[in-house]
Amino acid sequence: CPQAFFTALQDGPSTKAGGLGKTVLGDFLEALEFPDMSHGWSVHGDLSKPEVERDTKKAFNLTLAFLKKYL
């Protein structure tokens, strides 16, 4: 089952590109890091901050593309 991991700065290395998630899922994993974000930014980040708004929009657009690709 394809998976998408959009990780933040302090998320564990197993969830990032090249981590355990990639080892287990191989080509079924799409992983992208958001190093400027704190965990949970995409659902409860402060959108008045330009960098949070930017990365939240990017994550949601990537999620929509992922769902269109696999559903």
PDB file of N, CA and C in Angstrom:
ATOM      1  N   CYS A   1       0.841  -1.170   0.000  1.00  0.00           N
ATOM      2  CA  CYS A   1       0.000   0.000   0.000  1.00  0.00           C
ATOM      3  C   CYS A   1       0.897   1.247   0.000  1.00  0.00           C
ATOM      4  N   PRO A   2       0.793   2.104  -0.985  1.00  0.00           N
ATOM      5  CA  PRO A   2       1.616   3.307  -1.023  1.00  0.00           C
ATOM      6  C   PRO A   2       1.392   4.201   0.194  1.00  0.00           C
ATOM      7  N   GLN A   3       2.460   4.815   0.649  1.00  0.00           N
ATOM      8  CA  GLN A   3       2.422   5.698   1.809  1.00  0.00           C
ATOM      9  C   GLN A   3       3.108   7.014   1.452  1.00  0.00           C
ATOM     10  N   ALA A   4       2.680   8.090   2.103  1.00  0.00           N
ATOM     11  CA  ALA A   4       3.342   9.384   1.964  1.00  0.00           C
ATOM     12  C   ALA A   4       3.710   9.867   3.356  1.00  0.00           C
ATOM     13  N   PHE A   5       4.984  10.182   3.552  1.00  0.00           N
ATOM     14  CA  PHE A   5       5.465  10.737   4.814  1.00  0.00           C
ATOM     15  C   PHE A   5       5.911  12.174   4.553  1.00  0.00           C
ATOM     16  N   PHE A   6       5.305  13.117   5.228  1.00  0.00           N
ATOM     17  CA  PHE A   6       5.713  14.522   5.163  1.00  0.00           C
ATOM     18  C   PHE A   6       6.194  14.887   6.558  1.00  0.00           C
ATOM     19  N   THR A   7       7.491  14.833   6.756  1.00  0.00           N
ATOM     20  CA  THR A   7       8.053  14.939   8.092  1.00  0.00           C
ATOM     21  C   THR A   7       8.528  16.352   8.428  1.00  0.00           C
ATOM     22  N   ALA A   8       8.500  16.643   9.717  1.00  0.00           N
ATOM     23  CA  ALA A   8       8.965  17.926  10.240  1.00  0.00           C
ATOM     24  C   ALA A   8      10.352  17.756  10.852  1.00  0.00           C
ATOM     25  N   LEU A   9      10.906  18.874  11.273  1.00  0.00           N
ATOM     26  CA  LEU A   9      12.272  18.916  11.790  1.00  0.00           C
ATOM     27  C   LEU A   9      12.555  17.856  12.851  1.00  0.00           C
ATOM     28  N   GLN A  10      11.726  17.780  13.893  1.00  0.00           N
ATOM     29  CA  GLN A  10      12.043  16.894  15.000  1.00  0.00           C
ATOM     30  C   GLN A  10      11.448  15.486  14.881  1.00  0.00           C
ATOM     31  N   ASP A  11      10.842  15.166  13.750  1.00  0.00           N
ATOM     32  CA  ASP A  11      10.348  13.800  13.560  1.00  0.00           C
ATOM     33  C   ASP A  11      11.537  12.844  13.479  1.00  0.00           C
ATOM     34  N   GLY A  12      11.314  11.625  13.891  1.00  0.00           N
ATOM     35  CA  GLY A  12      12.389  10.640  13.976  1.00  0.00           C
ATOM     36  C   GLY A  12      13.006  10.283  12.637  1.00  0.00           C
ATOM     37  N   PRO A  13      14.264   9.877  12.648  1.00  0.00           N
ATOM     38  CA  PRO A  13      14.961   9.533  11.414  1.00  0.00           C
ATOM     39  C   PRO A  13      14.347   8.353  10.672  1.00  0.00           C
ATOM     40  N   SER A  14      13.638   7.486  11.376  1.00  0.00           N
ATOM     41  CA  SER A  14      13.026   6.333  10.696  1.00  0.00           C
ATOM     42  C   SER A  14      11.916   6.756   9.739  1.00  0.00           C
ATOM     43  N   THR A  15      11.364   7.958   9.949  1.00  0.00           N
ATOM     44  CA  THR A  15      10.267   8.428   9.102  1.00  0.00           C
ATOM     45  C   THR A  15      10.756   9.285   7.935  1.00  0.00           C
ATOM     46  N   LYS A  16      12.037   9.576   7.904  1.00  0.00           N
ATOM     47  CA  LYS A  16      12.566  10.464   6.870  1.00  0.00           C
ATOM     48  C   LYS A  16      13.145   9.666   5.706  1.00  0.00           C
ATOM     49  N   ALA A  17      13.388  10.377   4.611  1.00  0.00           N
ATOM     50  CA  ALA A  17      13.949   9.737   3.414  1.00  0.00           C
ATOM     51  C   ALA A  17      15.194   8.946   3.798  1.00  0.00           C
ATOM     52  N   GLY A  18      15.257   7.707   3.389  1.00  0.00           N
ATOM     53  CA  GLY A  18      16.386   6.855   3.704  1.00  0.00           C
ATOM     54  C   GLY A  18      16.298   6.150   5.041  1.00  0.00           C
ATOM     55  N   GLY A  19      15.237   6.406   5.803  1.00  0.00           N
ATOM     56  CA  GLY A  19      15.064   5.783   7.110  1.00  0.00           C
ATOM     57  C   GLY A  19      14.410   4.416   7.021  1.00  0.00           C
ATOM     58  N   LEU A  20      13.997   3.907   8.163  1.00  0.00           N
ATOM     59  CA  LEU A  20      13.377   2.589   8.242  1.00  0.00           C
ATOM     60  C   LEU A  20      12.125   2.497   7.375  1.00  0.00           C
ATOM     61  N   GLY A  21      11.355   3.576   7.320  1.00  0.00           N
ATOM     62  CA  GLY A  21      10.152   3.585   6.474  1.00  0.00           C
ATOM     63  C   GLY A  21      10.493   3.241   5.035  1.00  0.00           C
ATOM     64  N   LYS A  22      11.562   3.810   4.517  1.00  0.00           N
ATOM     65  CA  LYS A  22      11.990   3.531   3.141  1.00  0.00           C
ATOM     66  C   LYS A  22      12.490   2.100   3.015  1.00  0.00           C
ATOM     67  N   THR A  23      13.183   1.622   4.042  1.00  0.00           N
ATOM     68  CA  THR A  23      13.673   0.246   4.023  1.00  0.00           C
ATOM     69  C   THR A  23      12.513  -0.739   3.947  1.00  0.00           C
ATOM     70  N   VAL A  24      11.480  -0.496   4.710  1.00  0.00           N
ATOM     71  CA  VAL A  24      10.327  -1.396   4.771  1.00  0.00           C
ATOM     72  C   VAL A  24       9.441  -1.245   3.540  1.00  0.00           C
ATOM     73  N   LEU A  25       9.160  -0.012   3.145  1.00  0.00           N
ATOM     74  CA  LEU A  25       8.180   0.231   2.077  1.00  0.00           C
ATOM     75  C   LEU A  25       8.790   0.352   0.689  1.00  0.00           C
ATOM     76  N   GLY A  26      10.085   0.601   0.608  1.00  0.00           N
ATOM     77  CA  GLY A  26      10.751   0.711  -0.695  1.00  0.00           C
ATOM     78  C   GLY A  26      10.091   1.744  -1.587  1.00  0.00           C
ATOM     79  N   ASP A  27       9.773   1.323  -2.800  1.00  0.00           N
ATOM     80  CA  ASP A  27       9.168   2.231  -3.774  1.00  0.00           C
ATOM     81  C   ASP A  27       7.730   2.609  -3.440  1.00  0.00           C
ATOM     82  N   PHE A  28       7.168   2.001  -2.412  1.00  0.00           N
ATOM     83  CA  PHE A  28       5.803   2.340  -1.998  1.00  0.00           C
ATOM     84  C   PHE A  28       5.778   3.550  -1.067  1.00  0.00           C
ATOM     85  N   LEU A  29       6.937   4.141  -0.813  1.00  0.00           N
ATOM     86  CA  LEU A  29       7.009   5.308   0.068  1.00  0.00           C
ATOM     87  C   LEU A  29       7.414   6.547  -0.708  1.00  0.00           C
ATOM     88  N   GLU A  30       6.637   7.612  -0.533  1.00  0.00           N
ATOM     89  CA  GLU A  30       7.011   8.935  -0.994  1.00  0.00           C
ATOM     90  C   GLU A  30       7.267   9.762   0.263  1.00  0.00           C
ATOM     91  N   ALA A  31       8.507  10.187   0.459  1.00  0.00           N
ATOM     92  CA  ALA A  31       8.887  10.912   1.674  1.00  0.00           C
ATOM     93  C   ALA A  31       9.425  12.286   1.311  1.00  0.00           C
ATOM     94  N   LEU A  32       8.936  13.283   2.020  1.00  0.00           N
ATOM     95  CA  LEU A  32       9.415  14.641   1.826  1.00  0.00           C
ATOM     96  C   LEU A  32       9.571  15.293   3.183  1.00  0.00           C
ATOM     97  N   GLU A  33      10.713  15.925   3.388  1.00  0.00           N
ATOM     98  CA  GLU A  33      10.991  16.576   4.668  1.00  0.00           C
ATOM     99  C   GLU A  33      10.663  18.069   4.591  1.00  0.00           C
ATOM    100  N   PHE A  34      10.121  18.576   5.677  1.00  0.00           N
ATOM    101  CA  PHE A  34       9.837  20.000   5.840  1.00  0.00           C
ATOM    102  C   PHE A  34      10.663  20.477   7.031  1.00  0.00           C
ATOM    103  N   PRO A  35      11.952  20.764   6.802  1.00  0.00           N
ATOM    104  CA  PRO A  35      12.869  21.056   7.905  1.00  0.00           C
ATOM    105  C   PRO A  35      12.596  22.367   8.647  1.00  0.00           C
ATOM    106  N   ASP A  36      11.790  23.249   8.075  1.00  0.00           N
ATOM    107  CA  ASP A  36      11.460  24.506   8.749  1.00  0.00           C
ATOM    108  C   ASP A  36      10.249  24.386   9.665  1.00  0.00           C
ATOM    109  N   MET A  37       9.609  23.223   9.679  1.00  0.00           N
ATOM    110  CA  MET A  37       8.347  23.053  10.399  1.00  0.00           C
ATOM    111  C   MET A  37       8.520  22.235  11.668  1.00  0.00           C
ATOM    112  N   SER A  38       7.603  22.471  12.613  1.00  0.00           N
ATOM    113  CA  SER A  38       7.504  21.663  13.831  1.00  0.00           C
ATOM    114  C   SER A  38       6.400  20.643  13.624  1.00  0.00           C
ATOM    115  N   HIS A  39       6.514  19.520  14.297  1.00  0.00           N
ATOM    116  CA  HIS A  39       5.531  18.452  14.164  1.00  0.00           C
ATOM    117  C   HIS A  39       4.108  19.001  14.352  1.00  0.00           C
ATOM    118  N   GLY A  40       3.211  18.640  13.435  1.00  0.00           N
ATOM    119  CA  GLY A  40       1.816  19.046  13.516  1.00  0.00           C
ATOM    120  C   GLY A  40       1.482  20.334  12.784  1.00  0.00           C
ATOM    121  N   TRP A  41       2.475  20.918  12.108  1.00  0.00           N
ATOM    122  CA  TRP A  41       2.246  22.207  11.461  1.00  0.00           C
ATOM    123  C   TRP A  41       1.117  22.172  10.447  1.00  0.00           C
ATOM    124  N   SER A  42       0.935  21.073   9.768  1.00  0.00           N
ATOM    125  CA  SER A  42      -0.036  21.052   8.658  1.00  0.00           C
ATOM    126  C   SER A  42      -1.490  21.077   9.124  1.00  0.00           C
ATOM    127  N   VAL A  43      -1.744  20.705  10.364  1.00  0.00           N
ATOM    128  CA  VAL A  43      -3.128  20.710  10.846  1.00  0.00           C
ATOM    129  C   VAL A  43      -3.385  21.738  11.935  1.00  0.00           C
ATOM    130  N   HIS A  44      -2.332  22.226  12.591  1.00  0.00           N
ATOM    131  CA  HIS A  44      -2.574  23.250  13.610  1.00  0.00           C
ATOM    132  C   HIS A  44      -1.462  24.291  13.663  1.00  0.00           C
ATOM    133  N   GLY A  45      -0.813  24.520  12.516  1.00  0.00           N
ATOM    134  CA  GLY A  45       0.211  25.547  12.447  1.00  0.00           C
ATOM    135  C   GLY A  45      -0.394  26.935  12.341  1.00  0.00           C
ATOM    136  N   ASP A  46       0.389  27.930  12.642  1.00  0.00           N
ATOM    137  CA  ASP A  46      -0.036  29.329  12.585  1.00  0.00           C
ATOM    138  C   ASP A  46       0.130  29.841  11.157  1.00  0.00           C
ATOM    139  N   LEU A  47      -0.978  29.877  10.412  1.00  0.00           N
ATOM    140  CA  LEU A  47      -0.923  30.255   9.003  1.00  0.00           C
ATOM    141  C   LEU A  47      -0.614  31.732   8.787  1.00  0.00           C
ATOM    142  N   SER A  48      -0.554  32.522   9.853  1.00  0.00           N
ATOM    143  CA  SER A  48      -0.153  33.918   9.690  1.00  0.00           C
ATOM    144  C   SER A  48       1.361  34.029   9.479  1.00  0.00           C
ATOM    145  N   LYS A  49       2.081  32.941   9.739  1.00  0.00           N
ATOM    146  CA  LYS A  49       3.524  32.901   9.481  1.00  0.00           C
ATOM    147  C   LYS A  49       3.724  32.426   8.038  1.00  0.00           C
ATOM    148  N   PRO A  50       4.405  33.224   7.208  1.00  0.00           N
ATOM    149  CA  PRO A  50       4.544  32.883   5.784  1.00  0.00           C
ATOM    150  C   PRO A  50       5.124  31.498   5.518  1.00  0.00           C
ATOM    151  N   GLU A  51       6.107  31.086   6.306  1.00  0.00           N
ATOM    152  CA  GLU A  51       6.724  29.780   6.060  1.00  0.00           C
ATOM    153  C   GLU A  51       5.772  28.636   6.401  1.00  0.00           C
ATOM    154  N   VAL A  52       4.926  28.817   7.402  1.00  0.00           N
ATOM    155  CA  VAL A  52       3.946  27.789   7.757  1.00  0.00           C
ATOM    156  C   VAL A  52       2.864  27.722   6.678  1.00  0.00           C
ATOM    157  N   GLU A  53       2.393  28.868   6.238  1.00  0.00           N
ATOM    158  CA  GLU A  53       1.397  28.888   5.159  1.00  0.00           C
ATOM    159  C   GLU A  53       1.960  28.222   3.897  1.00  0.00           C
ATOM    160  N   ARG A  54       3.190  28.554   3.549  1.00  0.00           N
ATOM    161  CA  ARG A  54       3.842  27.979   2.367  1.00  0.00           C
ATOM    162  C   ARG A  54       3.904  26.456   2.448  1.00  0.00           C
ATOM    163  N   ASP A  55       4.422  25.935   3.551  1.00  0.00           N
ATOM    164  CA  ASP A  55       4.611  24.487   3.661  1.00  0.00           C
ATOM    165  C   ASP A  55       3.293  23.753   3.866  1.00  0.00           C
ATOM    166  N   THR A  56       2.327  24.379   4.515  1.00  0.00           N
ATOM    167  CA  THR A  56       1.015  23.749   4.672  1.00  0.00           C
ATOM    168  C   THR A  56       0.347  23.598   3.308  1.00  0.00           C
ATOM    169  N   LYS A  57       0.382  24.638   2.516  1.00  0.00           N
ATOM    170  CA  LYS A  57      -0.197  24.554   1.160  1.00  0.00           C
ATOM    171  C   LYS A  57       0.518  23.494   0.336  1.00  0.00           C
ATOM    172  N   LYS A  58       1.843  23.461   0.447  1.00  0.00           N
ATOM    173  CA  LYS A  58       2.610  22.466  -0.302  1.00  0.00           C
ATOM    174  C   LYS A  58       2.228  21.050   0.127  1.00  0.00           C
ATOM    175  N   ALA A  59       2.134  20.814   1.429  1.00  0.00           N
ATOM    176  CA  ALA A  59       1.783  19.488   1.936  1.00  0.00           C
ATOM    177  C   ALA A  59       0.376  19.074   1.497  1.00  0.00           C
ATOM    178  N   PHE A  60      -0.570  19.999   1.562  1.00  0.00           N
ATOM    179  CA  PHE A  60      -1.933  19.663   1.152  1.00  0.00           C
ATOM    180  C   PHE A  60      -2.007  19.404  -0.347  1.00  0.00           C
ATOM    181  N   ASN A  61      -1.292  20.177  -1.159  1.00  0.00           N
ATOM    182  CA  ASN A  61      -1.274  19.925  -2.602  1.00  0.00           C
ATOM    183  C   ASN A  61      -0.608  18.591  -2.929  1.00  0.00           C
ATOM    184  N   LEU A  62       0.464  18.268  -2.215  1.00  0.00           N
ATOM    185  CA  LEU A  62       1.107  16.967  -2.415  1.00  0.00           C
ATOM    186  C   LEU A  62       0.184  15.826  -1.982  1.00  0.00           C
ATOM    187  N   THR A  63      -0.574  16.041  -0.929  1.00  0.00           N
ATOM    188  CA  THR A  63      -1.528  15.031  -0.480  1.00  0.00           C
ATOM    189  C   THR A  63      -2.609  14.807  -1.525  1.00  0.00           C
ATOM    190  N   LEU A  64      -3.141  15.882  -2.073  1.00  0.00           N
ATOM    191  CA  LEU A  64      -4.156  15.748  -3.132  1.00  0.00           C
ATOM    192  C   LEU A  64      -3.595  15.011  -4.345  1.00  0.00           C
ATOM    193  N   ALA A  65      -2.394  15.343  -4.744  1.00  0.00           N
ATOM    194  CA  ALA A  65      -1.766  14.662  -5.891  1.00  0.00           C
ATOM    195  C   ALA A  65      -1.552  13.184  -5.590  1.00  0.00           C
ATOM    196  N   PHE A  66      -1.120  12.878  -4.373  1.00  0.00           N
ATOM    197  CA  PHE A  66      -0.911  11.490  -3.959  1.00  0.00           C
ATOM    198  C   PHE A  66      -2.227  10.708  -4.016  1.00  0.00           C
ATOM    199  N   LEU A  67      -3.292  11.299  -3.486  1.00  0.00           N
ATOM    200  CA  LEU A  67      -4.596  10.631  -3.499  1.00  0.00           C
ATOM    201  C   LEU A  67      -5.129  10.449  -4.904  1.00  0.00           C
ATOM    202  N   LYS A  68      -4.960  11.431  -5.749  1.00  0.00           N
ATOM    203  CA  LYS A  68      -5.408  11.305  -7.154  1.00  0.00           C
ATOM    204  C   LYS A  68      -4.641  10.190  -7.857  1.00  0.00           C
ATOM    205  N   LYS A  69      -3.380  10.054  -7.528  1.00  0.00           N
ATOM    206  CA  LYS A  69      -2.526   9.036  -8.159  1.00  0.00           C
ATOM    207  C   LYS A  69      -2.945   7.620  -7.756  1.00  0.00           C
ATOM    208  N   TYR A  70      -3.326   7.436  -6.485  1.00  0.00           N
ATOM    209  CA  TYR A  70      -3.555   6.089  -5.987  1.00  0.00           C
ATOM    210  C   TYR A  70      -5.011   5.718  -5.716  1.00  0.00           C
ATOM    211  N   LEU A  71      -5.917   6.662  -5.786  1.00  0.00           N
ATOM    212  CA  LEU A  71      -7.331   6.324  -5.536  1.00  0.00           C
ATOM    213  C   LEU A  71      -8.132   6.343  -6.814  1.00  0.00           C
TER     214      LEU A  71
END
